[in-house]
Amino acid sequence: MTLARRLGLAALGIALGSAAGGGAGLLAGLAYIEIASTSGFEGYSGFVVAFWMLGGVTLGMILGLVVAYRFARKRST
């Protein structure tokens, strides 16, 4: 597999992983504010959801890159 193809696959893994992680973080954040009954005062619950989304995006980027790397190594052998 060429270097350009591996880099493209890595970029795709990062993009898809971050999108999936952001969606999962959104759902987890919404579930958390319902379970913990966080206050909506001055948008606090929105900050909590944004924090969970940011964590999901970060984790999704890392996992997407790892999956893409393993896929590229599997295809090159």
Foldseek 3Di string as FASTA:
>chain_A
DDPVVLVVLLVVLLVVLLVVLLVVLLVVLVVVCVVVVDDCPPHPSVVSSVVSSVVRNVVSNVVSNVVSVVVVVVVVD
